Amino acid sequence: MFSKRKTVLFAGGTAALILSAVLTAVTGSSAQADDLVTHHEFQVNCTVNHRANDDPIVFPNLPGASHEHSFVGNKTTNAATTLTSLTAAGAYATTCLNPDDLSAYWWPTMFRGNQPVIQTWHQTIYYKSGILDYRAVRPFPPGLRYVVGSPTASQEEFRTAPGAVEGWECGDSAHNWDFPASCPAGTQLNIRYQAPSCWNGRDLDSPDHKSHMAYPVNGSCPASHPNPVPMLEFKIAFPADGNTTDVRLASGRGYTWHYDFFNAWDVPTLAALVSHCINGGLQCNSKGFDLYKPDRGQVLGDNYRLPGRP
């Protein structure tokens, strides 16, 4: 369980992180899982809003220092991005369906030859429980950020990474640890990859942008990282069918796939979704509604915001 007030250390200084709002929102919830729990998740749906050679986590304040990334979520994300800049953008400054998700998400742009493969539809990011005790998952602290995967990974490192789910897939071809040579006409190249979901409770970032996070072990968070937070699973689709021998990522081959996350959710909204959907054992859409259990209600309004917000 998070403490009510915790001093958080990260590169560049020390910040006091107040988690009382999150703690109250979660522990004060009456959400109960029923006897037919099959999922514990909700999804976020966002479109790509710009591409740039920036990475505010790995190369902060160094515009153009990275390979090209495709950015979704907060429209203001650039090399100088901070939690303050993300939240200052204000509600609706995002290409996610949830106006109060001002987080930044990004991944390496895909190219066919020298032309970017343009993604025009909503991409899906799942927020799940990565541990068996899904009722113990708590929201991300504001400003938490990390990198999943590595642009320098070998194919074997990608294949055996704890975050790999299906690798690359298209048509009936799955578990590819590099791009398949071709994809059936009309299909897409899809990638699914899971993030670590155990936080050390202290650091919003770390020098390698990974060490403050860990993957669960045997369904539980390790003692070094005892705080379970949502497990992100990026399910990203690229319109790249036919012969794919000329397809590449800005970072290289398919096994260099990676992505970045910088949390800037509105605290009460994220807490409500985590409590209702993850802790409640539901399979929610972006409104916090489980189509298969309509009796459990919907946590957000039809405008994807907490009740009472315009």
C-alpha atoms as a PDB file:
ATOM      1  CA  MET A   1       0.000   0.000   0.000  1.00  0.00           C
ATOM      2  CA  PHE A   2       1.283   3.457  -0.836  1.00  0.00           C
ATOM      3  CA  SER A   3       1.941   5.815   2.022  1.00  0.00           C
ATOM      4  CA  LYS A   4      -0.120   8.994   2.148  1.00  0.00           C
ATOM      5  CA  ARG A   5       2.902  11.155   1.513  1.00  0.00           C
ATOM      6  CA  LYS A   6       6.124   9.980  -0.050  1.00  0.00           C
ATOM      7  CA  THR A   7       9.294  11.788  -1.095  1.00  0.00           C
ATOM      8  CA  VAL A   8      10.088  10.781  -4.643  1.00  0.00           C
ATOM      9  CA  LEU A   9      13.612  10.881  -6.030  1.00  0.00           C
ATOM     10  CA  PHE A  10      14.326  11.148  -9.722  1.00  0.00           C
ATOM     11  CA  ALA A  11      16.967  12.400 -12.091  1.00  0.00           C
ATOM     12  CA  GLY A  12      17.400  16.106 -11.686  1.00  0.00           C
ATOM     13  CA  GLY A  13      16.217  16.560  -8.112  1.00  0.00           C
ATOM     14  CA  THR A  14      13.762  15.595  -5.380  1.00  0.00           C
ATOM     15  CA  ALA A  15      10.021  16.164  -5.453  1.00  0.00           C
ATOM     16  CA  ALA A  16       7.319  15.637  -2.848  1.00  0.00           C
ATOM     17  CA  LEU A  17       4.599  13.423  -4.297  1.00  0.00           C
ATOM     18  CA  ILE A  18       1.214  13.649  -2.642  1.00  0.00           C
ATOM     19  CA  LEU A  19      -0.778  10.450  -3.099  1.00  0.00           C
ATOM     20  CA  SER A  20      -3.571  11.107  -0.608  1.00  0.00           C
ATOM     21  CA  ALA A  21      -6.126  11.809  -3.346  1.00  0.00           C
ATOM     22  CA  VAL A  22      -5.297   8.553  -5.075  1.00  0.00           C
ATOM     23  CA  LEU A  23      -5.347   6.617  -1.815  1.00  0.00           C
ATOM     24  CA  THR A  24      -8.702   8.048  -0.777  1.00  0.00           C
ATOM     25  CA  ALA A  25     -10.274   7.475  -4.172  1.00  0.00           C
ATOM     26  CA  VAL A  26      -9.191   3.847  -4.257  1.00  0.00           C
ATOM     27  CA  THR A  27      -9.637   2.716  -0.659  1.00  0.00           C
ATOM     28  CA  GLY A  28     -12.915   4.581  -0.417  1.00  0.00           C
ATOM     29  CA  SER A  29     -14.368   2.649  -3.338  1.00  0.00           C
ATOM     30  CA  SER A  30     -17.039   0.048  -2.855  1.00  0.00           C
ATOM     31  CA  ALA A  31     -16.118  -1.798  -6.037  1.00  0.00           C
ATOM     32  CA  GLN A  32     -16.491  -5.540  -5.653  1.00  0.00           C
ATOM     33  CA  ALA A  33     -15.491  -8.272  -8.077  1.00  0.00           C
ATOM     34  CA  ASP A  34     -18.162 -10.849  -8.771  1.00  0.00           C
ATOM     35  CA  ASP A  35     -17.733 -14.609  -8.960  1.00  0.00           C
ATOM     36  CA  LEU A  36     -17.239 -14.618 -12.740  1.00  0.00           C
ATOM     37  CA  VAL A  37     -14.128 -12.484 -13.085  1.00  0.00           C
ATOM     38  CA  THR A  38     -12.501 -13.094 -16.458  1.00  0.00           C
ATOM     39  CA  HIS A  39     -10.803  -9.722 -16.962  1.00  0.00           C
ATOM     40  CA  HIS A  40      -9.529  -6.788 -14.919  1.00  0.00           C
ATOM     41  CA  GLU A  41      -8.846  -4.016 -17.382  1.00  0.00           C
ATOM     42  CA  PHE A  42      -9.927  -0.917 -19.208  1.00  0.00           C
ATOM     43  CA  GLN A  43      -8.703   0.439 -22.506  1.00  0.00           C
ATOM     44  CA  VAL A  44      -7.472   3.779 -23.740  1.00  0.00           C
ATOM     45  CA  ASN A  45      -7.886   4.660 -27.403  1.00  0.00           C
ATOM     46  CA  CYS A  46      -5.717   7.364 -28.956  1.00  0.00           C
ATOM     47  CA  THR A  47      -4.667   8.525 -32.403  1.00  0.00           C
ATOM     48  CA  VAL A  48      -1.218   9.625 -33.547  1.00  0.00           C
ATOM     49  CA  ASN A  49      -1.055  13.417 -33.432  1.00  0.00           C
ATOM     50  CA  HIS A  50       2.492  14.111 -34.582  1.00  0.00           C
ATOM     51  CA  ARG A  51       5.876  12.585 -35.374  1.00  0.00           C
ATOM     52  CA  ALA A  52       9.229  13.989 -34.261  1.00  0.00           C
ATOM     53  CA  ASN A  53      12.827  13.031 -33.528  1.00  0.00           C
ATOM     54  CA  ASP A  54      12.236  13.723 -29.844  1.00  0.00           C
ATOM     55  CA  ASP A  55      12.216  11.661 -26.663  1.00  0.00           C
ATOM     56  CA  PRO A  56      11.586  13.696 -23.490  1.00  0.00           C
ATOM     57  CA  ILE A  57      12.451  10.706 -21.271  1.00  0.00           C
ATOM     58  CA  VAL A  58      15.707   9.514 -22.861  1.00  0.00           C
ATOM     59  CA  PHE A  59      16.819  12.846 -24.368  1.00  0.00           C
ATOM     60  CA  PRO A  60      15.113  15.582 -22.304  1.00  0.00           C
ATOM     61  CA  ASN A  61      15.549  19.110 -23.659  1.00  0.00           C
ATOM     62  CA  LEU A  62      17.453  17.812 -26.699  1.00  0.00           C
ATOM     63  CA  PRO A  63      15.152  18.316 -29.693  1.00  0.00           C
ATOM     64  CA  GLY A  64      16.026  16.143 -32.658  1.00  0.00           C
ATOM     65  CA  ALA A  65      18.399  13.896 -30.656  1.00  0.00           C
ATOM     66  CA  SER A  66      16.332  10.717 -31.053  1.00  0.00           C
ATOM     67  CA  HIS A  67      15.163   8.558 -33.918  1.00  0.00           C
ATOM     68  CA  GLU A  68      11.660   9.432 -35.082  1.00  0.00           C
ATOM     69  CA  HIS A  69       8.759   8.615 -32.788  1.00  0.00           C
ATOM     70  CA  SER A  70       5.015   8.650 -33.354  1.00  0.00           C
ATOM     71  CA  PHE A  71       3.276  10.419 -30.480  1.00  0.00           C
ATOM     72  CA  VAL A  72      -0.260   9.786 -29.246  1.00  0.00           C
ATOM     73  CA  GLY A  73      -2.168  11.325 -26.376  1.00  0.00           C
ATOM     74  CA  ASN A  74      -1.053  14.783 -25.257  1.00  0.00           C
ATOM     75  CA  LYS A  75      -0.654  17.042 -28.278  1.00  0.00           C
ATOM     76  CA  THR A  76       2.047  19.186 -26.661  1.00  0.00           C
ATOM     77  CA  THR A  77       4.629  16.418 -26.167  1.00  0.00           C
ATOM     78  CA  ASN A  78       8.115  17.425 -27.286  1.00  0.00           C
ATOM     79  CA  ALA A  79      11.711  17.175 -26.102  1.00  0.00           C
ATOM     80  CA  ALA A  80      11.071  19.634 -23.261  1.00  0.00           C
ATOM     81  CA  THR A  81       7.983  17.861 -21.912  1.00  0.00           C
ATOM     82  CA  THR A  82       7.503  17.689 -18.133  1.00  0.00           C
ATOM     83  CA  LEU A  83       4.582  16.760 -15.911  1.00  0.00           C
ATOM     84  CA  THR A  84       3.882  20.467 -15.523  1.00  0.00           C
ATOM     85  CA  SER A  85       3.751  21.059 -19.269  1.00  0.00           C
ATOM     86  CA  LEU A  86       1.521  18.048 -19.857  1.00  0.00           C
ATOM     87  CA  THR A  87      -1.022  18.996 -17.213  1.00  0.00           C
ATOM     88  CA  ALA A  88      -0.906  22.684 -18.163  1.00  0.00           C
ATOM     89  CA  ALA A  89      -2.193  21.746 -21.611  1.00  0.00           C
ATOM     90  CA  GLY A  90      -5.645  21.304 -20.056  1.00  0.00           C
ATOM     91  CA  ALA A  91      -8.497  18.885 -20.655  1.00  0.00           C
ATOM     92  CA  TYR A  92      -9.100  17.914 -24.275  1.00  0.00           C
ATOM     93  CA  ALA A  93      -5.462  18.647 -25.241  1.00  0.00           C
ATOM     94  CA  THR A  94      -5.189  14.993 -26.186  1.00  0.00           C
ATOM     95  CA  THR A  95      -6.047  12.686 -29.061  1.00  0.00           C
ATOM     96  CA  CYS A  96      -7.246  10.020 -26.615  1.00  0.00           C
ATOM     97  CA  LEU A  97     -10.989   9.522 -26.175  1.00  0.00           C
ATOM     98  CA  ASN A  98     -10.587  10.396 -22.490  1.00  0.00           C
ATOM     99  CA  PRO A  99     -10.182  14.216 -22.313  1.00  0.00           C
ATOM    100  CA  ASP A 100      -8.607  13.942 -18.858  1.00  0.00           C
ATOM    101  CA  ASP A 101      -5.845  11.579 -19.947  1.00  0.00           C
ATOM    102  CA  LEU A 102      -3.114  14.094 -20.640  1.00  0.00           C
ATOM    103  CA  SER A 103      -0.443  11.388 -20.618  1.00  0.00           C
ATOM    104  CA  ALA A 104       2.089  11.050 -23.419  1.00  0.00           C
ATOM    105  CA  TYR A 105       2.616   7.763 -25.240  1.00  0.00           C
ATOM    106  CA  TRP A 106       5.068   7.197 -28.083  1.00  0.00           C
ATOM    107  CA  TRP A 107       6.809   4.513 -30.147  1.00  0.00           C
ATOM    108  CA  PRO A 108       9.237   4.380 -33.100  1.00  0.00           C
ATOM    109  CA  THR A 109       7.690   5.326 -36.414  1.00  0.00           C
ATOM    110  CA  MET A 110       7.402   2.510 -38.955  1.00  0.00           C
ATOM    111  CA  PHE A 111       8.761   3.118 -42.461  1.00  0.00           C
ATOM    112  CA  ARG A 112       8.330   1.365 -45.776  1.00  0.00           C
ATOM    113  CA  GLY A 113      11.572   2.299 -47.450  1.00  0.00           C
ATOM    114  CA  ASN A 114      11.873   5.982 -46.621  1.00  0.00           C
ATOM    115  CA  GLN A 115       8.154   6.678 -46.358  1.00  0.00           C
ATOM    116  CA  PRO A 116       6.439   6.609 -42.954  1.00  0.00           C
ATOM    117  CA  VAL A 117       3.596   4.131 -42.527  1.00  0.00           C
ATOM    118  CA  ILE A 118       0.766   6.414 -41.446  1.00  0.00           C
ATOM    119  CA  GLN A 119      -1.584   5.229 -38.690  1.00  0.00           C
ATOM    120  CA  THR A 120      -4.912   7.036 -38.981  1.00  0.00           C
ATOM    121  CA  TRP A 121      -7.175   5.167 -36.539  1.00  0.00           C
ATOM    122  CA  HIS A 122      -7.353   4.881 -32.759  1.00  0.00           C
ATOM    123  CA  GLN A 123      -4.632   2.679 -31.320  1.00  0.00           C
ATOM    124  CA  THR A 124      -5.423   0.580 -28.233  1.00  0.00           C
ATOM    125  CA  ILE A 125      -3.562   0.712 -24.949  1.00  0.00           C
ATOM    126  CA  TYR A 126      -4.830  -1.641 -22.264  1.00  0.00           C
ATOM    127  CA  TYR A 127      -4.557  -0.882 -18.553  1.00  0.00           C
ATOM    128  CA  LYS A 128      -4.607  -4.271 -16.798  1.00  0.00           C
ATOM    129  CA  SER A 129      -3.633  -6.057 -13.641  1.00  0.00           C
ATOM    130  CA  GLY A 130      -0.202  -7.635 -13.990  1.00  0.00           C
ATOM    131  CA  ILE A 131      -0.568  -9.496 -10.702  1.00  0.00           C
ATOM    132  CA  LEU A 132      -2.936 -12.201  -9.530  1.00  0.00           C
ATOM    133  CA  ASP A 133      -4.377 -10.065  -6.736  1.00  0.00           C
ATOM    134  CA  TYR A 134      -5.984  -7.539  -9.069  1.00  0.00           C
ATOM    135  CA  ARG A 135      -7.747  -5.812  -6.162  1.00  0.00           C
ATOM    136  CA  ALA A 136      -4.331  -4.596  -4.954  1.00  0.00           C
ATOM    137  CA  VAL A 137      -3.506  -2.561  -8.092  1.00  0.00           C
ATOM    138  CA  ARG A 138      -3.277   1.190  -7.472  1.00  0.00           C
ATOM    139  CA  PRO A 139      -3.116   4.118  -9.952  1.00  0.00           C
ATOM    140  CA  PHE A 140       0.140   5.434 -11.349  1.00  0.00           C
ATOM    141  CA  PRO A 141       1.601   8.329  -9.360  1.00  0.00           C
ATOM    142  CA  PRO A 142       1.598  11.618 -11.287  1.00  0.00           C
ATOM    143  CA  GLY A 143       4.737  12.008 -13.371  1.00  0.00           C
ATOM    144  CA  LEU A 144       5.743   8.330 -13.447  1.00  0.00           C
ATOM    145  CA  ARG A 145       7.536   7.585 -16.701  1.00  0.00           C
ATOM    146  CA  TYR A 146       9.431   4.678 -18.186  1.00  0.00           C
ATOM    147  CA  VAL A 147      10.611   2.951 -21.349  1.00  0.00           C
ATOM    148  CA  VAL A 148       9.483  -0.564 -22.307  1.00  0.00           C
ATOM    149  CA  GLY A 149      11.686  -2.659 -24.587  1.00  0.00           C
ATOM    150  CA  SER A 150      14.930  -1.449 -26.109  1.00  0.00           C
ATOM    151  CA  PRO A 151      16.015   0.013 -29.471  1.00  0.00           C
ATOM    152  CA  THR A 152      19.281  -1.929 -29.061  1.00  0.00           C
ATOM    153  CA  ALA A 153      17.704  -5.319 -28.288  1.00  0.00           C
ATOM    154  CA  SER A 154      18.802  -8.412 -30.201  1.00  0.00           C
ATOM    155  CA  GLN A 155      16.192 -10.716 -31.656  1.00  0.00           C
ATOM    156  CA  GLU A 156      16.770 -13.214 -28.849  1.00  0.00           C
ATOM    157  CA  GLU A 157      16.444 -10.500 -26.210  1.00  0.00           C
ATOM    158  CA  PHE A 158      13.175  -9.412 -27.749  1.00  0.00           C
ATOM    159  CA  ARG A 159      11.894 -13.003 -27.941  1.00  0.00           C
ATOM    160  CA  THR A 160      12.664 -13.739 -24.301  1.00  0.00           C
ATOM    161  CA  ALA A 161      11.692 -10.347 -22.851  1.00  0.00           C
ATOM    162  CA  PRO A 162       9.121 -10.636 -20.045  1.00  0.00           C
ATOM    163  CA  GLY A 163       6.972  -8.041 -21.778  1.00  0.00           C
ATOM    164  CA  ALA A 164       6.555  -9.934 -25.059  1.00  0.00           C
ATOM    165  CA  VAL A 165       3.034 -11.270 -25.634  1.00  0.00           C
ATOM    166  CA  GLU A 166       2.578 -12.239 -29.275  1.00  0.00           C
ATOM    167  CA  GLY A 167       5.443 -10.462 -30.999  1.00  0.00           C
ATOM    168  CA  TRP A 168       4.544  -9.299 -34.496  1.00  0.00           C
ATOM    169  CA  GLU A 169       1.485 -10.764 -36.180  1.00  0.00           C
ATOM    170  CA  CYS A 170      -0.481 -10.421 -39.384  1.00  0.00           C
ATOM    171  CA  GLY A 171      -3.132 -12.664 -40.859  1.00  0.00           C
ATOM    172  CA  ASP A 172      -2.646 -16.116 -39.332  1.00  0.00           C
ATOM    173  CA  SER A 173       1.040 -15.549 -38.650  1.00  0.00           C
ATOM    174  CA  ALA A 174       1.916 -14.814 -35.007  1.00  0.00           C
ATOM    175  CA  HIS A 175       4.810 -15.081 -32.561  1.00  0.00           C
ATOM    176  CA  ASN A 176       7.169 -13.413 -35.017  1.00  0.00           C
ATOM    177  CA  TRP A 177      10.194 -11.892 -33.315  1.00  0.00           C
ATOM    178  CA  ASP A 178      10.987  -9.845 -36.401  1.00  0.00           C
ATOM    179  CA  PHE A 179       8.754  -8.679 -39.225  1.00  0.00           C
ATOM    180  CA  PRO A 180       7.304 -11.524 -41.306  1.00  0.00           C
ATOM    181  CA  ALA A 181       8.399 -11.379 -44.947  1.00  0.00           C
ATOM    182  CA  SER A 182       4.841 -10.748 -46.130  1.00  0.00           C
ATOM    183  CA  CYS A 183       1.339 -10.157 -44.823  1.00  0.00           C
ATOM    184  CA  PRO A 184      -1.916 -11.117 -46.592  1.00  0.00           C
ATOM    185  CA  ALA A 185      -3.577  -8.332 -48.539  1.00  0.00           C
ATOM    186  CA  GLY A 186      -5.894  -6.284 -46.355  1.00  0.00           C
ATOM    187  CA  THR A 187      -4.273  -7.280 -43.063  1.00  0.00           C
ATOM    188  CA  GLN A 188      -2.169  -5.207 -40.699  1.00  0.00           C
ATOM    189  CA  LEU A 189       1.118  -5.633 -38.904  1.00  0.00           C
ATOM    190  CA  ASN A 190       0.228  -5.764 -35.217  1.00  0.00           C
ATOM    191  CA  ILE A 191       2.447  -5.746 -32.154  1.00  0.00           C
ATOM    192  CA  ARG A 192       1.499  -6.500 -28.544  1.00  0.00           C
ATOM    193  CA  TYR A 193       3.965  -5.879 -25.765  1.00  0.00           C
ATOM    194  CA  GLN A 194       3.470  -5.651 -22.002  1.00  0.00           C
ATOM    195  CA  ALA A 195       5.043  -3.176 -19.595  1.00  0.00           C
ATOM    196  CA  PRO A 196       6.307  -3.883 -16.080  1.00  0.00           C
ATOM    197  CA  SER A 197       3.654  -3.277 -13.434  1.00  0.00           C
ATOM    198  CA  CYS A 198       5.541  -3.125 -10.130  1.00  0.00           C
ATOM    199  CA  TRP A 199       6.852   0.244  -8.912  1.00  0.00           C
ATOM    200  CA  ASN A 200       9.559   0.735  -6.274  1.00  0.00           C
ATOM    201  CA  GLY A 201       7.424   3.375  -4.557  1.00  0.00           C
ATOM    202  CA  ARG A 202      10.137   6.050  -4.647  1.00  0.00           C
ATOM    203  CA  ASP A 203      11.323   7.037  -8.108  1.00  0.00           C
ATOM    204  CA  LEU A 204       9.357   8.600 -10.930  1.00  0.00           C
ATOM    205  CA  ASP A 205      12.261   7.795 -13.261  1.00  0.00           C
ATOM    206  CA  SER A 206      15.683   6.149 -13.071  1.00  0.00           C
ATOM    207  CA  PRO A 207      18.948   6.574 -15.002  1.00  0.00           C
ATOM    208  CA  ASP A 208      18.109   3.710 -17.387  1.00  0.00           C
ATOM    209  CA  HIS A 209      14.397   4.649 -17.341  1.00  0.00           C
ATOM    210  CA  LYS A 210      13.551   1.080 -16.291  1.00  0.00           C
ATOM    211  CA  SER A 211      15.068   0.188 -12.910  1.00  0.00           C
ATOM    212  CA  HIS A 212      12.333   1.877 -10.874  1.00  0.00           C
ATOM    213  CA  MET A 213       9.912  -0.608 -12.432  1.00  0.00           C
ATOM    214  CA  ALA A 214       9.854  -4.416 -12.403  1.00  0.00           C
ATOM    215  CA  TYR A 215       7.799  -7.270 -13.779  1.00  0.00           C
ATOM    216  CA  PRO A 216       5.825  -9.444 -11.357  1.00  0.00           C
ATOM    217  CA  VAL A 217       7.343 -12.735 -10.237  1.00  0.00           C
ATOM    218  CA  ASN A 218       4.958 -15.687  -9.938  1.00  0.00           C
ATOM    219  CA  GLY A 219       2.018 -13.323 -10.055  1.00  0.00           C
ATOM    220  CA  SER A 220       3.212 -10.956  -7.326  1.00  0.00           C
ATOM    221  CA  CYS A 221       5.379  -7.860  -7.109  1.00  0.00           C
ATOM    222  CA  PRO A 222       8.904  -8.490  -5.800  1.00  0.00           C
ATOM    223  CA  ALA A 223       9.982  -7.035  -2.454  1.00  0.00           C
ATOM    224  CA  SER A 224      12.229  -4.539  -4.237  1.00  0.00           C
ATOM    225  CA  HIS A 225       9.235  -3.125  -6.153  1.00  0.00           C
ATOM    226  CA  PRO A 226       6.283  -3.798  -3.851  1.00  0.00           C
ATOM    227  CA  ASN A 227       3.701  -1.409  -5.336  1.00  0.00           C
ATOM    228  CA  PRO A 228       1.417  -2.861  -8.036  1.00  0.00           C
ATOM    229  CA  VAL A 229       0.327  -0.322 -10.650  1.00  0.00           C
ATOM    230  CA  PRO A 230      -1.575  -0.879 -13.902  1.00  0.00           C
ATOM    231  CA  MET A 231       0.144  -3.085 -16.454  1.00  0.00           C
ATOM    232  CA  LEU A 232       0.132  -1.331 -19.818  1.00  0.00           C
ATOM    233  CA  GLU A 233      -0.220  -3.497 -22.888  1.00  0.00           C
ATOM    234  CA  PHE A 234       0.248  -1.612 -26.126  1.00  0.00           C
ATOM    235  CA  LYS A 235      -1.619  -3.247 -29.028  1.00  0.00           C
ATOM    236  CA  ILE A 236      -0.495  -1.227 -32.006  1.00  0.00           C
ATOM    237  CA  ALA A 237      -1.524  -1.750 -35.631  1.00  0.00           C
ATOM    238  CA  PHE A 238       0.259  -0.600 -38.788  1.00  0.00           C
ATOM    239  CA  PRO A 239      -1.262  -0.670 -42.317  1.00  0.00           C
ATOM    240  CA  ALA A 240       1.563  -2.659 -43.899  1.00  0.00           C
ATOM    241  CA  ASP A 241       0.301  -5.615 -45.936  1.00  0.00           C
ATOM    242  CA  GLY A 242       1.823  -7.418 -48.916  1.00  0.00           C
ATOM    243  CA  ASN A 243       5.592  -7.750 -49.207  1.00  0.00           C
ATOM    244  CA  THR A 244       7.135  -6.343 -46.040  1.00  0.00           C
ATOM    245  CA  THR A 245      10.821  -6.881 -46.767  1.00  0.00           C
ATOM    246  CA  ASP A 246      11.277  -3.104 -47.013  1.00  0.00           C
ATOM    247  CA  VAL A 247       9.482  -2.393 -43.728  1.00  0.00           C
ATOM    248  CA  ARG A 248      11.541  -1.109 -40.801  1.00  0.00           C
ATOM    249  CA  LEU A 249      11.197   0.849 -37.600  1.00  0.00           C
ATOM    250  CA  ALA A 250      12.943   4.168 -37.078  1.00  0.00           C
ATOM    251  CA  SER A 251      14.997   2.252 -34.489  1.00  0.00           C
ATOM    252  CA  GLY A 252      15.791  -0.682 -36.813  1.00  0.00           C
ATOM    253  CA  ARG A 253      14.427  -4.200 -37.233  1.00  0.00           C
ATOM    254  CA  GLY A 254      11.187  -5.429 -35.687  1.00  0.00           C
ATOM    255  CA  TYR A 255      12.928  -6.663 -32.551  1.00  0.00           C
ATOM    256  CA  THR A 256      13.961  -3.090 -31.683  1.00  0.00           C
ATOM    257  CA  TRP A 257      10.309  -2.349 -30.851  1.00  0.00           C
ATOM    258  CA  HIS A 258       9.895  -0.247 -27.712  1.00  0.00           C
ATOM    259  CA  TYR A 259       7.608   2.413 -26.342  1.00  0.00           C
ATOM    260  CA  ASP A 260       7.517   5.199 -23.761  1.00  0.00           C
ATOM    261  CA  PHE A 261       4.912   6.308 -21.227  1.00  0.00           C
ATOM    262  CA  PHE A 262       4.712   9.565 -19.250  1.00  0.00           C
ATOM    263  CA  ASN A 263       1.756   9.614 -16.851  1.00  0.00           C
ATOM    264  CA  ALA A 264      -0.289  12.810 -16.661  1.00  0.00           C
ATOM    265  CA  TRP A 265      -3.792  11.473 -15.977  1.00  0.00           C
ATOM    266  CA  ASP A 266      -6.249  13.539 -13.993  1.00  0.00           C
ATOM    267  CA  VAL A 267      -5.868  11.856 -10.587  1.00  0.00           C
ATOM    268  CA  PRO A 268      -9.570  11.253  -9.727  1.00  0.00           C
ATOM    269  CA  THR A 269     -10.364   9.973 -13.241  1.00  0.00           C
ATOM    270  CA  LEU A 270      -7.562   7.408 -13.281  1.00  0.00           C
ATOM    271  CA  ALA A 271      -8.416   6.336  -9.724  1.00  0.00           C
ATOM    272  CA  ALA A 272     -12.061   5.802 -10.683  1.00  0.00           C
ATOM    273  CA  LEU A 273     -11.169   3.658 -13.715  1.00  0.00           C
ATOM    274  CA  VAL A 274      -8.639   1.571 -11.786  1.00  0.00           C
ATOM    275  CA  SER A 275     -11.079   1.004  -8.924  1.00  0.00           C
ATOM    276  CA  HIS A 276     -14.128   0.193 -11.046  1.00  0.00           C
ATOM    277  CA  CYS A 277     -12.514  -1.780 -13.851  1.00  0.00           C
ATOM    278  CA  ILE A 278      -9.255  -3.331 -12.624  1.00  0.00           C
ATOM    279  CA  ASN A 279     -10.088  -3.796  -8.946  1.00  0.00           C
ATOM    280  CA  GLY A 280     -13.676  -4.622  -9.887  1.00  0.00           C
ATOM    281  CA  GLY A 281     -12.726  -7.454 -12.239  1.00  0.00           C
ATOM    282  CA  LEU A 282     -14.280  -5.969 -15.370  1.00  0.00           C
ATOM    283  CA  GLN A 283     -13.471  -5.716 -19.071  1.00  0.00           C
ATOM    284  CA  CYS A 284     -14.089  -2.014 -19.607  1.00  0.00           C
ATOM    285  CA  ASN A 285     -14.029   0.253 -22.602  1.00  0.00           C
ATOM    286  CA  SER A 286     -12.757   3.837 -22.372  1.00  0.00           C
ATOM    287  CA  LYS A 287     -15.919   4.898 -20.552  1.00  0.00           C
ATOM    288  CA  GLY A 288     -15.413   2.313 -17.833  1.00  0.00           C
ATOM    289  CA  PHE A 289     -18.294   0.154 -19.082  1.00  0.00           C
ATOM    290  CA  ASP A 290     -18.250  -3.644 -19.385  1.00  0.00           C
ATOM    291  CA  LEU A 291     -20.509  -4.640 -22.277  1.00  0.00           C
ATOM    292  CA  TYR A 292     -20.865  -8.143 -20.844  1.00  0.00           C
ATOM    293  CA  LYS A 293     -21.801  -6.947 -17.350  1.00  0.00           C
ATOM    294  CA  PRO A 294     -24.015  -3.913 -17.944  1.00  0.00           C
ATOM    295  CA  ASP A 295     -25.480  -4.223 -14.457  1.00  0.00           C
ATOM    296  CA  ARG A 296     -22.152  -3.090 -13.022  1.00  0.00           C
ATOM    297  CA  GLY A 297     -22.635   0.397 -14.436  1.00  0.00           C
ATOM    298  CA  GLN A 298     -20.401   2.906 -16.211  1.00  0.00           C
ATOM    299  CA  VAL A 299     -17.832   4.921 -14.294  1.00  0.00           C
ATOM    300  CA  LEU A 300     -17.488   7.823 -16.765  1.00  0.00           C
ATOM    301  CA  GLY A 301     -20.144   9.721 -18.673  1.00  0.00           C
ATOM    302  CA  ASP A 302     -20.780   9.427 -22.376  1.00  0.00           C
ATOM    303  CA  ASN A 303     -18.340  12.328 -22.771  1.00  0.00           C
ATOM    304  CA  TYR A 304     -15.624  10.062 -21.265  1.00  0.00           C
ATOM    305  CA  ARG A 305     -15.385  12.297 -18.192  1.00  0.00           C
ATOM    306  CA  LEU A 306     -16.350  11.919 -14.540  1.00  0.00           C
ATOM    307  CA  PRO A 307     -20.022  12.782 -13.909  1.00  0.00           C
ATOM    308  CA  GLY A 308     -20.599  16.516 -13.655  1.00  0.00           C
ATOM    309  CA  ARG A 309     -17.717  17.498 -15.899  1.00  0.00           C
ATOM    310  CA  PRO A 310     -18.747  19.187 -19.175  1.00  0.00           C
END
